[in-house]
Amino acid sequence: MQANDVYTVPYTPYTADTLRMGWEQLITNVKRAINEVEVQMMVRDARGVSEAQLSDFRRCFNHFDKRRLRRLEASEFKACLVSLGFNIPNTAEVKYYLSLLFIFFP
C-alpha cells in the first residue's frame, strides 16, 4: 500500500504502520511465551520434578492464591508448603527467613 502512496484507508482506523507494529509485538510476545515454557521445561528436567508433581504444585499454588495475584502472602506460602507435605516448624528462625524472602521477592 505504501508503494502506491496509500497511507490511510477511510474504512478502518488502522494504518499500515500500526498493523505492522501490532504484528511485531504479537511475534515478540509469542517468542517470549515459547522461551518461558522452554525454561520451565529445562528447570523441571534439571531438578527431576515430574509432570505430576509440577501439576500438583500449580494446583496447590492456585488454591492458596485466593486473590489471583500470582503471588502468595507469607501465611499463604507457608500453608501451601505444608499442604504439599513440607514440614515447616513455627520457629523464630523460619519466621525470619520468610520475612527476608518477602522483602527480596515482594
Protein backbone atom coordinates (compact mmCIF):
# COMPACT_ATOMS: atom_id res chain seq x y z
CA MET A 1 0.00 0.00 0.00
CA GLN A 2 2.82 2.42 0.80
CA ALA A 3 4.41 1.66 -2.56
CA ASN A 4 1.23 3.03 -4.12
CA ASP A 5 1.25 6.09 -1.81
CA VAL A 6 -1.78 4.82 0.12
CA TYR A 7 -1.23 5.61 3.79
CA THR A 8 -4.76 5.73 5.16
CA VAL A 9 -7.92 3.85 4.37
CA PRO A 10 -11.19 5.55 5.25
CA TYR A 11 -12.84 2.24 6.18
CA THR A 12 -10.51 1.39 9.07
CA PRO A 13 -8.85 3.31 11.89
CA TYR A 14 -5.64 1.29 11.41
CA THR A 15 -2.70 2.30 9.30
CA ALA A 16 -0.11 0.01 7.78
CA ASP A 17 2.35 1.11 10.47
CA THR A 18 0.00 0.30 13.37
CA LEU A 19 -0.71 -3.12 11.87
CA ARG A 20 2.99 -3.78 11.38
CA MET A 21 3.79 -2.74 14.96
CA GLY A 22 0.94 -4.88 16.30
CA TRP A 23 2.18 -7.85 14.30
CA GLU A 24 5.76 -7.41 15.52
CA GLN A 25 4.52 -7.10 19.11
CA LEU A 26 2.49 -10.29 18.71
CA ILE A 27 5.51 -12.17 17.35
CA THR A 28 7.64 -10.87 20.25
CA ASN A 29 5.05 -11.99 22.80
CA VAL A 30 4.80 -15.44 21.23
CA LYS A 31 8.60 -15.82 21.29
CA ARG A 32 8.65 -14.80 24.97
CA ALA A 33 5.93 -17.31 25.81
CA ILE A 34 7.78 -20.08 23.98
CA ASN A 35 11.01 -19.15 25.76
CA GLU A 36 9.27 -19.16 29.15
CA VAL A 37 7.83 -22.62 28.55
CA GLU A 38 11.20 -23.95 27.39
CA VAL A 39 12.90 -22.54 30.50
CA GLN A 40 10.25 -24.12 32.72
CA MET A 41 10.79 -27.46 30.99
CA MET A 42 14.57 -27.24 31.44
CA VAL A 43 14.22 -26.35 35.13
CA ARG A 44 11.76 -29.18 35.66
CA ASP A 45 14.04 -31.67 33.92
CA ALA A 46 17.15 -30.43 35.75
CA ARG A 47 15.54 -30.79 39.15
CA GLY A 48 13.90 -34.13 38.48
CA VAL A 49 10.38 -32.82 39.03
CA SER A 50 7.81 -34.97 37.28
CA GLU A 51 4.89 -33.55 35.32
CA ALA A 52 2.51 -34.83 38.01
CA GLN A 53 4.47 -33.04 40.74
CA LEU A 54 4.56 -29.83 38.74
CA SER A 55 0.82 -30.06 38.20
CA ASP A 56 0.31 -30.63 41.93
CA PHE A 57 2.47 -27.57 42.73
CA ARG A 58 0.44 -25.41 40.34
CA ARG A 59 -2.87 -26.69 41.67
CA CYS A 60 -1.81 -26.04 45.26
CA PHE A 61 -0.43 -22.58 44.44
CA ASN A 62 -3.62 -21.61 42.63
CA HIS A 63 -5.70 -22.87 45.56
CA PHE A 64 -3.90 -20.57 48.01
CA ASP A 65 -3.72 -17.61 45.60
CA LYS A 66 -7.24 -16.50 46.55
CA ARG A 67 -6.95 -13.01 45.03
CA ARG A 68 -5.43 -14.34 41.77
CA LEU A 69 -2.41 -12.03 42.02
CA ARG A 70 0.01 -14.83 41.04
CA ARG A 71 1.84 -14.42 44.35
CA LEU A 72 1.32 -15.59 47.90
CA GLU A 73 1.47 -13.79 51.22
CA ALA A 74 3.75 -15.32 53.88
CA SER A 75 0.91 -17.17 55.59
CA GLU A 76 -0.44 -18.43 52.25
CA PHE A 77 3.03 -19.56 51.18
CA LYS A 78 3.54 -21.46 54.43
CA ALA A 79 0.11 -23.10 54.14
CA CYS A 80 0.88 -24.06 50.54
CA LEU A 81 4.18 -25.70 51.54
CA VAL A 82 2.52 -27.57 54.41
CA SER A 83 -0.23 -28.83 52.10
CA LEU A 84 2.48 -30.15 49.76
CA GLY A 85 3.95 -32.17 52.61
CA PHE A 86 6.79 -29.91 53.73
CA ASN A 87 7.40 -29.70 57.47
CA ILE A 88 7.62 -26.01 58.38
CA PRO A 89 8.36 -25.57 62.09
CA ASN A 90 6.94 -22.46 63.72
CA THR A 91 10.25 -21.07 64.98
CA ALA A 92 11.73 -17.61 65.06
CA GLU A 93 14.35 -18.67 62.51
CA VAL A 94 11.72 -19.75 59.99
CA LYS A 95 9.78 -16.52 60.53
CA TYR A 96 13.00 -14.56 59.97
CA TYR A 97 13.77 -16.34 56.68
CA LEU A 98 10.18 -15.92 55.49
CA SER A 99 10.35 -12.19 56.25
CA LEU A 100 13.61 -11.95 54.27
CA LEU A 101 12.06 -13.87 51.41
CA PHE A 102 9.19 -11.42 51.14
CA ILE A 103 11.48 -8.41 51.43
CA PHE A 104 13.61 -9.52 48.48
CA PHE A 105 10.75 -11.04 46.47
CA PRO A 106 7.67 -8.87 47.19
